[in-house]
Amino acid sequence: MNDEFSKMFKAMMDQSQEMAKAFNPALETFRVKGFEDLIPTMSKDFMEMAFGRTFNREGLDAKTRLLVTIAALTVLGAQADSQLRLTIRHAMQAGAKKREIAEVIYQMSMFGGLPAMTRALEIAQGVFDGTEDKE
């Protein structure tokens, strides 16, 4: 990471913190646990704009981008439970089938290992059943 990029990244993070505090002063002491409860899901139109063809006209659609995100979060193992729950809900809203989500997670066992796959499948099953365990 070069010095110019480091400065730009720091400025972006500082601006994000200020913006979060402006929205809600309580975010100054915000904890990530339970974050997904703040945004249960996004509308399909918004997901398509943010992750799909609006900004990436020649790129992937929102569903595919969200499946790729599930793959990445699965490989991270148990580090990103909240983000995985949220992304699974968003992927389903974008049209992903439960089977597609499970297949993506199964495929990642080759890269993240069986424990990472097992944990991701447990999280996915909780989302599918509506019995998410928000530790």
N, C-alpha and C. Protein backbone atom coordinates (compact mmCIF):
# COMPACT_ATOMS: atom_id res chain seq x y z
N MET A 1 0.86 -1.16 0.00
CA MET A 1 0.00 0.00 0.00
C MET A 1 0.91 1.23 0.00
N ASN A 2 0.75 2.10 -1.00
CA ASN A 2 1.60 3.28 -1.05
C ASN A 2 1.05 4.39 -0.16
N ASP A 3 1.87 5.41 0.05
CA ASP A 3 1.52 6.49 0.98
C ASP A 3 0.27 7.26 0.52
N GLU A 4 0.17 7.51 -0.78
CA GLU A 4 -0.99 8.25 -1.31
C GLU A 4 -2.29 7.48 -1.07
N PHE A 5 -2.23 6.16 -1.31
CA PHE A 5 -3.41 5.34 -1.07
C PHE A 5 -3.75 5.31 0.42
N SER A 6 -2.74 5.20 1.27
CA SER A 6 -2.97 5.18 2.72
C SER A 6 -3.67 6.45 3.18
N LYS A 7 -3.24 7.59 2.67
CA LYS A 7 -3.87 8.86 3.03
C LYS A 7 -5.33 8.90 2.56
N MET A 8 -5.55 8.44 1.33
CA MET A 8 -6.91 8.44 0.78
C MET A 8 -7.80 7.51 1.60
N PHE A 9 -7.29 6.33 1.95
CA PHE A 9 -8.08 5.38 2.73
C PHE A 9 -8.40 5.93 4.11
N LYS A 10 -7.43 6.56 4.76
CA LYS A 10 -7.66 7.16 6.08
C LYS A 10 -8.71 8.25 5.99
N ALA A 11 -8.62 9.10 4.96
CA ALA A 11 -9.61 10.17 4.78
C ALA A 11 -11.01 9.58 4.57
N MET A 12 -11.08 8.50 3.80
CA MET A 12 -12.37 7.86 3.56
C MET A 12 -12.94 7.29 4.86
N MET A 13 -12.11 6.66 5.67
CA MET A 13 -12.57 6.09 6.94
C MET A 13 -13.00 7.20 7.90
N ASP A 14 -12.24 8.29 7.96
CA ASP A 14 -12.61 9.42 8.82
C ASP A 14 -13.95 10.01 8.39
N GLN A 15 -14.15 10.17 7.09
CA GLN A 15 -15.41 10.70 6.58
C GLN A 15 -16.56 9.76 6.90
N SER A 16 -16.32 8.47 6.80
CA SER A 16 -17.36 7.49 7.12
C SER A 16 -17.77 7.57 8.57
N GLN A 17 -16.79 7.71 9.45
CA GLN A 17 -17.09 7.83 10.88
C GLN A 17 -17.90 9.09 11.16
N GLU A 18 -17.51 10.20 10.56
CA GLU A 18 -18.24 11.45 10.76
C GLU A 18 -19.67 11.33 10.23
N MET A 19 -19.84 10.69 9.08
CA MET A 19 -21.16 10.52 8.50
C MET A 19 -22.02 9.64 9.42
N ALA A 20 -21.44 8.55 9.93
CA ALA A 20 -22.18 7.67 10.83
C ALA A 20 -22.62 8.41 12.09
N LYS A 21 -21.73 9.21 12.65
CA LYS A 21 -22.07 10.00 13.85
C LYS A 21 -23.17 11.02 13.54
N ALA A 22 -23.14 11.58 12.33
CA ALA A 22 -24.17 12.56 11.95
C ALA A 22 -25.55 11.89 11.85
N PHE A 23 -25.57 10.66 11.35
CA PHE A 23 -26.83 9.92 11.26
C PHE A 23 -27.37 9.58 12.64
N ASN A 24 -26.45 9.15 13.51
CA ASN A 24 -26.86 8.68 14.83
C ASN A 24 -25.66 8.76 15.76
N PRO A 25 -25.67 9.70 16.72
CA PRO A 25 -24.53 9.83 17.63
C PRO A 25 -24.18 8.54 18.37
N ALA A 26 -25.14 7.65 18.54
CA ALA A 26 -24.87 6.38 19.22
C ALA A 26 -23.93 5.49 18.42
N LEU A 27 -23.78 5.77 17.12
CA LEU A 27 -22.89 4.95 16.30
C LEU A 27 -21.42 5.15 16.66
N GLU A 28 -21.14 6.16 17.46
CA GLU A 28 -19.77 6.39 17.90
C GLU A 28 -19.25 5.20 18.70
N THR A 29 -20.14 4.54 19.41
CA THR A 29 -19.77 3.37 20.19
C THR A 29 -20.42 2.11 19.61
N PHE A 30 -20.65 2.10 18.33
CA PHE A 30 -21.34 1.03 17.64
C PHE A 30 -20.57 -0.29 17.76
N ARG A 31 -21.30 -1.38 18.01
CA ARG A 31 -20.74 -2.72 18.02
C ARG A 31 -21.28 -3.48 16.81
N VAL A 32 -20.45 -4.27 16.19
CA VAL A 32 -20.84 -4.99 14.98
C VAL A 32 -21.88 -6.07 15.28
N LYS A 33 -21.84 -6.68 16.47
CA LYS A 33 -22.78 -7.74 16.80
C LYS A 33 -24.22 -7.27 16.61
N GLY A 34 -25.00 -8.00 15.87
CA GLY A 34 -26.38 -7.63 15.63
C GLY A 34 -26.56 -6.61 14.52
N PHE A 35 -25.49 -6.28 13.81
CA PHE A 35 -25.55 -5.28 12.75
C PHE A 35 -26.60 -5.61 11.70
N GLU A 36 -26.72 -6.91 11.37
CA GLU A 36 -27.65 -7.28 10.30
C GLU A 36 -29.09 -6.97 10.65
N ASP A 37 -29.39 -6.80 11.96
CA ASP A 37 -30.75 -6.43 12.33
C ASP A 37 -31.11 -5.02 11.88
N LEU A 38 -30.11 -4.18 11.68
CA LEU A 38 -30.37 -2.81 11.25
C LEU A 38 -30.87 -2.75 9.82
N ILE A 39 -30.40 -3.69 9.00
CA ILE A 39 -30.77 -3.72 7.59
C ILE A 39 -31.19 -5.15 7.25
N PRO A 40 -32.45 -5.52 7.51
CA PRO A 40 -32.86 -6.91 7.29
C PRO A 40 -32.64 -7.37 5.85
N THR A 41 -32.95 -6.53 4.89
CA THR A 41 -32.66 -6.82 3.48
C THR A 41 -32.83 -5.54 2.68
N MET A 42 -32.27 -5.53 1.51
CA MET A 42 -32.42 -4.39 0.62
C MET A 42 -33.40 -4.77 -0.48
N SER A 43 -34.04 -3.79 -1.04
CA SER A 43 -34.96 -4.09 -2.15
C SER A 43 -34.14 -4.57 -3.34
N LYS A 44 -34.78 -5.36 -4.19
CA LYS A 44 -34.10 -5.90 -5.37
C LYS A 44 -33.58 -4.77 -6.26
N ASP A 45 -34.37 -3.70 -6.40
CA ASP A 45 -33.94 -2.57 -7.23
C ASP A 45 -32.67 -1.92 -6.68
N PHE A 46 -32.64 -1.74 -5.35
CA PHE A 46 -31.44 -1.14 -4.75
C PHE A 46 -30.24 -2.05 -4.91
N MET A 47 -30.43 -3.35 -4.70
CA MET A 47 -29.31 -4.28 -4.86
C MET A 47 -28.80 -4.28 -6.29
N GLU A 48 -29.71 -4.21 -7.24
CA GLU A 48 -29.29 -4.17 -8.64
C GLU A 48 -28.50 -2.91 -8.93
N MET A 49 -28.93 -1.79 -8.32
CA MET A 49 -28.20 -0.54 -8.51
C MET A 49 -26.81 -0.63 -7.87
N ALA A 50 -26.75 -1.09 -6.63
CA ALA A 50 -25.49 -1.10 -5.89
C ALA A 50 -24.54 -2.20 -6.35
N PHE A 51 -25.08 -3.39 -6.63
CA PHE A 51 -24.22 -4.53 -6.93
C PHE A 51 -24.33 -5.01 -8.37
N GLY A 52 -25.30 -4.53 -9.08
CA GLY A 52 -25.59 -5.09 -10.40
C GLY A 52 -25.17 -4.22 -11.55
N ARG A 53 -26.09 -4.01 -12.46
CA ARG A 53 -25.76 -3.42 -13.75
C ARG A 53 -25.72 -1.90 -13.78
N THR A 54 -26.25 -1.21 -12.79
CA THR A 54 -26.26 0.25 -12.85
C THR A 54 -24.84 0.81 -12.88
N PHE A 55 -24.00 0.35 -11.95
CA PHE A 55 -22.62 0.84 -11.91
C PHE A 55 -21.68 -0.05 -12.70
N ASN A 56 -22.10 -1.22 -13.06
CA ASN A 56 -21.25 -2.20 -13.74
C ASN A 56 -22.02 -2.78 -14.92
N ARG A 57 -22.34 -1.95 -15.86
CA ARG A 57 -23.24 -2.34 -16.94
C ARG A 57 -22.79 -3.60 -17.68
N GLU A 58 -21.52 -3.78 -17.82
CA GLU A 58 -21.01 -4.96 -18.53
C GLU A 58 -20.61 -6.06 -17.55
N GLY A 59 -20.86 -5.84 -16.28
CA GLY A 59 -20.41 -6.77 -15.26
C GLY A 59 -21.45 -7.81 -14.90
N LEU A 60 -21.37 -8.26 -13.68
CA LEU A 60 -22.26 -9.29 -13.16
C LEU A 60 -23.54 -8.68 -12.64
N ASP A 61 -24.62 -9.48 -12.62
CA ASP A 61 -25.86 -9.00 -12.02
C ASP A 61 -25.77 -9.11 -10.50
N ALA A 62 -26.74 -8.54 -9.81
CA ALA A 62 -26.72 -8.49 -8.34
C ALA A 62 -26.69 -9.89 -7.74
N LYS A 63 -27.48 -10.80 -8.26
CA LYS A 63 -27.52 -12.16 -7.72
C LYS A 63 -26.14 -12.81 -7.78
N THR A 64 -25.48 -12.70 -8.92
CA THR A 64 -24.16 -13.31 -9.08
C THR A 64 -23.14 -12.65 -8.16
N ARG A 65 -23.18 -11.34 -8.06
CA ARG A 65 -22.25 -10.64 -7.16
C ARG A 65 -22.46 -11.08 -5.71
N LEU A 66 -23.70 -11.25 -5.31
CA LEU A 66 -23.98 -11.67 -3.94
C LEU A 66 -23.56 -13.11 -3.71
N LEU A 67 -23.71 -13.99 -4.70
CA LEU A 67 -23.23 -15.37 -4.56
C LEU A 67 -21.70 -15.40 -4.44
N VAL A 68 -21.03 -14.54 -5.19
CA VAL A 68 -19.57 -14.45 -5.08
C VAL A 68 -19.18 -13.96 -3.68
N THR A 69 -19.95 -13.02 -3.15
CA THR A 69 -19.69 -12.50 -1.80
C THR A 69 -19.89 -13.60 -0.77
N ILE A 70 -20.92 -14.42 -0.94
CA ILE A 70 -21.14 -15.56 -0.03
C ILE A 70 -19.94 -16.50 -0.08
N ALA A 71 -19.41 -16.73 -1.27
CA ALA A 71 -18.24 -17.59 -1.41
C ALA A 71 -17.06 -17.01 -0.61
N ALA A 72 -16.82 -15.73 -0.77
CA ALA A 72 -15.69 -15.10 -0.06
C ALA A 72 -15.89 -15.14 1.45
N LEU A 73 -17.09 -14.85 1.90
CA LEU A 73 -17.36 -14.86 3.33
C LEU A 73 -17.27 -16.28 3.91
N THR A 74 -17.62 -17.27 3.11
CA THR A 74 -17.49 -18.67 3.56
C THR A 74 -16.03 -19.01 3.78
N VAL A 75 -15.18 -18.63 2.86
CA VAL A 75 -13.76 -18.94 2.97
C VAL A 75 -13.15 -18.27 4.20
N LEU A 76 -13.71 -17.13 4.63
CA LEU A 76 -13.21 -16.47 5.83
C LEU A 76 -13.48 -17.26 7.11
N GLY A 77 -14.34 -18.24 7.02
CA GLY A 77 -14.65 -19.06 8.19
C GLY A 77 -15.66 -18.36 9.08
N ALA A 78 -15.49 -18.53 10.38
CA ALA A 78 -16.46 -18.01 11.35
C ALA A 78 -16.19 -16.56 11.72
N GLN A 79 -15.45 -15.84 10.92
CA GLN A 79 -15.12 -14.45 11.24
C GLN A 79 -16.22 -13.47 10.86
N ALA A 80 -17.13 -13.88 9.99
CA ALA A 80 -18.04 -12.92 9.40
C ALA A 80 -19.49 -13.40 9.43
N ASP A 81 -19.94 -13.92 10.57
CA ASP A 81 -21.29 -14.48 10.67
C ASP A 81 -22.37 -13.47 10.29
N SER A 82 -22.30 -12.28 10.87
CA SER A 82 -23.33 -11.26 10.61
C SER A 82 -23.38 -10.90 9.14
N GLN A 83 -22.21 -10.70 8.54
CA GLN A 83 -22.16 -10.32 7.14
C GLN A 83 -22.68 -11.45 6.25
N LEU A 84 -22.39 -12.70 6.64
CA LEU A 84 -22.87 -13.84 5.85
C LEU A 84 -24.39 -13.95 5.92
N ARG A 85 -24.97 -13.80 7.11
CA ARG A 85 -26.44 -13.83 7.24
C ARG A 85 -27.08 -12.77 6.35
N LEU A 86 -26.56 -11.56 6.45
CA LEU A 86 -27.10 -10.44 5.69
C LEU A 86 -26.98 -10.70 4.19
N THR A 87 -25.83 -11.17 3.75
CA THR A 87 -25.61 -11.42 2.33
C THR A 87 -26.49 -12.54 1.81
N ILE A 88 -26.70 -13.58 2.62
CA ILE A 88 -27.60 -14.67 2.21
C ILE A 88 -29.02 -14.13 2.02
N ARG A 89 -29.48 -13.31 2.95
CA ARG A 89 -30.82 -12.72 2.80
C ARG A 89 -30.90 -11.86 1.55
N HIS A 90 -29.87 -11.06 1.30
CA HIS A 90 -29.85 -10.21 0.12
C HIS A 90 -29.83 -11.05 -1.16
N ALA A 91 -29.05 -12.12 -1.16
CA ALA A 91 -28.98 -12.98 -2.35
C ALA A 91 -30.34 -13.60 -2.65
N MET A 92 -31.03 -14.04 -1.60
CA MET A 92 -32.37 -14.62 -1.82
C MET A 92 -33.32 -13.56 -2.37
N GLN A 93 -33.22 -12.34 -1.85
CA GLN A 93 -34.04 -11.24 -2.34
C GLN A 93 -33.73 -10.94 -3.80
N ALA A 94 -32.47 -11.15 -4.20
CA ALA A 94 -32.05 -10.90 -5.58
C ALA A 94 -32.35 -12.07 -6.51
N GLY A 95 -32.96 -13.14 -5.95
CA GLY A 95 -33.39 -14.25 -6.80
C GLY A 95 -32.60 -15.54 -6.66
N ALA A 96 -31.61 -15.58 -5.78
CA ALA A 96 -30.84 -16.81 -5.59
C ALA A 96 -31.70 -17.85 -4.88
N LYS A 97 -31.61 -19.07 -5.34
CA LYS A 97 -32.33 -20.19 -4.73
C LYS A 97 -31.49 -20.75 -3.58
N LYS A 98 -32.17 -21.37 -2.61
CA LYS A 98 -31.46 -21.99 -1.49
C LYS A 98 -30.41 -22.97 -1.98
N ARG A 99 -30.75 -23.74 -2.99
CA ARG A 99 -29.83 -24.74 -3.54
C ARG A 99 -28.58 -24.07 -4.12
N GLU A 100 -28.75 -22.94 -4.81
CA GLU A 100 -27.60 -22.22 -5.37
C GLU A 100 -26.68 -21.73 -4.26
N ILE A 101 -27.26 -21.20 -3.21
CA ILE A 101 -26.47 -20.70 -2.08
C ILE A 101 -25.71 -21.85 -1.44
N ALA A 102 -26.41 -22.98 -1.22
CA ALA A 102 -25.75 -24.15 -0.63
C ALA A 102 -24.61 -24.66 -1.52
N GLU A 103 -24.83 -24.68 -2.83
CA GLU A 103 -23.79 -25.15 -3.76
C GLU A 103 -22.55 -24.26 -3.71
N VAL A 104 -22.77 -22.95 -3.62
CA VAL A 104 -21.64 -22.02 -3.51
C VAL A 104 -20.85 -22.33 -2.23
N ILE A 105 -21.56 -22.53 -1.14
CA ILE A 105 -20.91 -22.83 0.14
C ILE A 105 -20.16 -24.16 0.06
N TYR A 106 -20.79 -25.21 -0.53
CA TYR A 106 -20.13 -26.50 -0.68
C TYR A 106 -18.83 -26.35 -1.46
N GLN A 107 -18.88 -25.59 -2.56
CA GLN A 107 -17.71 -25.40 -3.40
C GLN A 107 -16.55 -24.78 -2.63
N MET A 108 -16.86 -23.91 -1.69
CA MET A 108 -15.81 -23.21 -0.94
C MET A 108 -15.11 -24.10 0.08
N SER A 109 -15.62 -25.31 0.32
CA SER A 109 -14.94 -26.21 1.25
C SER A 109 -13.54 -26.54 0.74
N MET A 110 -13.35 -26.50 -0.56
CA MET A 110 -12.04 -26.78 -1.14
C MET A 110 -11.04 -25.67 -0.83
N PHE A 111 -11.52 -24.48 -0.57
CA PHE A 111 -10.64 -23.34 -0.34
C PHE A 111 -10.56 -22.93 1.12
N GLY A 112 -11.69 -23.00 1.82
CA GLY A 112 -11.74 -22.57 3.21
C GLY A 112 -11.69 -23.71 4.21
N GLY A 113 -11.89 -24.93 3.72
CA GLY A 113 -11.87 -26.09 4.59
C GLY A 113 -13.27 -26.49 5.03
N LEU A 114 -13.37 -27.70 5.56
CA LEU A 114 -14.66 -28.24 6.00
C LEU A 114 -15.26 -27.47 7.17
N PRO A 115 -14.47 -27.04 8.16
CA PRO A 115 -15.09 -26.27 9.25
C PRO A 115 -15.73 -24.96 8.78
N ALA A 116 -15.07 -24.28 7.84
CA ALA A 116 -15.64 -23.04 7.31
C ALA A 116 -16.93 -23.33 6.55
N MET A 117 -16.93 -24.40 5.76
CA MET A 117 -18.14 -24.78 5.02
C MET A 117 -19.27 -25.14 5.97
N THR A 118 -18.94 -25.92 6.99
CA THR A 118 -19.96 -26.36 7.95
C THR A 118 -20.58 -25.18 8.66
N ARG A 119 -19.75 -24.25 9.10
CA ARG A 119 -20.27 -23.06 9.80
C ARG A 119 -21.15 -22.23 8.86
N ALA A 120 -20.71 -22.05 7.62
CA ALA A 120 -21.50 -21.27 6.66
C ALA A 120 -22.84 -21.95 6.37
N LEU A 121 -22.84 -23.28 6.27
CA LEU A 121 -24.09 -24.00 6.04
C LEU A 121 -25.03 -23.87 7.23
N GLU A 122 -24.48 -23.89 8.45
CA GLU A 122 -25.32 -23.69 9.64
C GLU A 122 -25.97 -22.31 9.61
N ILE A 123 -25.19 -21.31 9.25
CA ILE A 123 -25.72 -19.94 9.17
C ILE A 123 -26.79 -19.87 8.08
N ALA A 124 -26.49 -20.45 6.92
CA ALA A 124 -27.46 -20.43 5.81
C ALA A 124 -28.75 -21.13 6.21
N GLN A 125 -28.64 -22.27 6.87
CA GLN A 125 -29.85 -23.00 7.29
C GLN A 125 -30.68 -22.16 8.24
N GLY A 126 -30.01 -21.43 9.14
CA GLY A 126 -30.74 -20.53 10.04
C GLY A 126 -31.47 -19.44 9.29
N VAL A 127 -30.84 -18.91 8.26
CA VAL A 127 -31.50 -17.88 7.44
C VAL A 127 -32.68 -18.51 6.68
N PHE A 128 -32.46 -19.68 6.10
CA PHE A 128 -33.53 -20.35 5.34
C PHE A 128 -34.74 -20.64 6.23
N ASP A 129 -34.47 -21.09 7.46
CA ASP A 129 -35.54 -21.47 8.38
C ASP A 129 -36.11 -20.29 9.17
N GLY A 130 -35.41 -19.15 9.12
CA GLY A 130 -35.81 -18.00 9.91
C GLY A 130 -35.48 -18.16 11.38
N THR A 131 -34.50 -19.02 11.67
CA THR A 131 -34.11 -19.27 13.07
C THR A 131 -32.66 -18.86 13.30
N GLU A 132 -32.28 -17.74 12.72
CA GLU A 132 -30.89 -17.29 12.81
C GLU A 132 -30.45 -17.11 14.25
N ASP A 133 -29.28 -17.67 14.56
CA ASP A 133 -28.70 -17.54 15.90
C ASP A 133 -27.80 -16.32 15.90
N LYS A 134 -28.25 -15.26 16.54
CA LYS A 134 -27.48 -14.00 16.57
C LYS A 134 -26.74 -13.89 17.88
N GLU A 135 -25.65 -14.63 17.99
CA GLU A 135 -24.87 -14.73 19.23
C GLU A 135 -24.50 -13.39 19.79
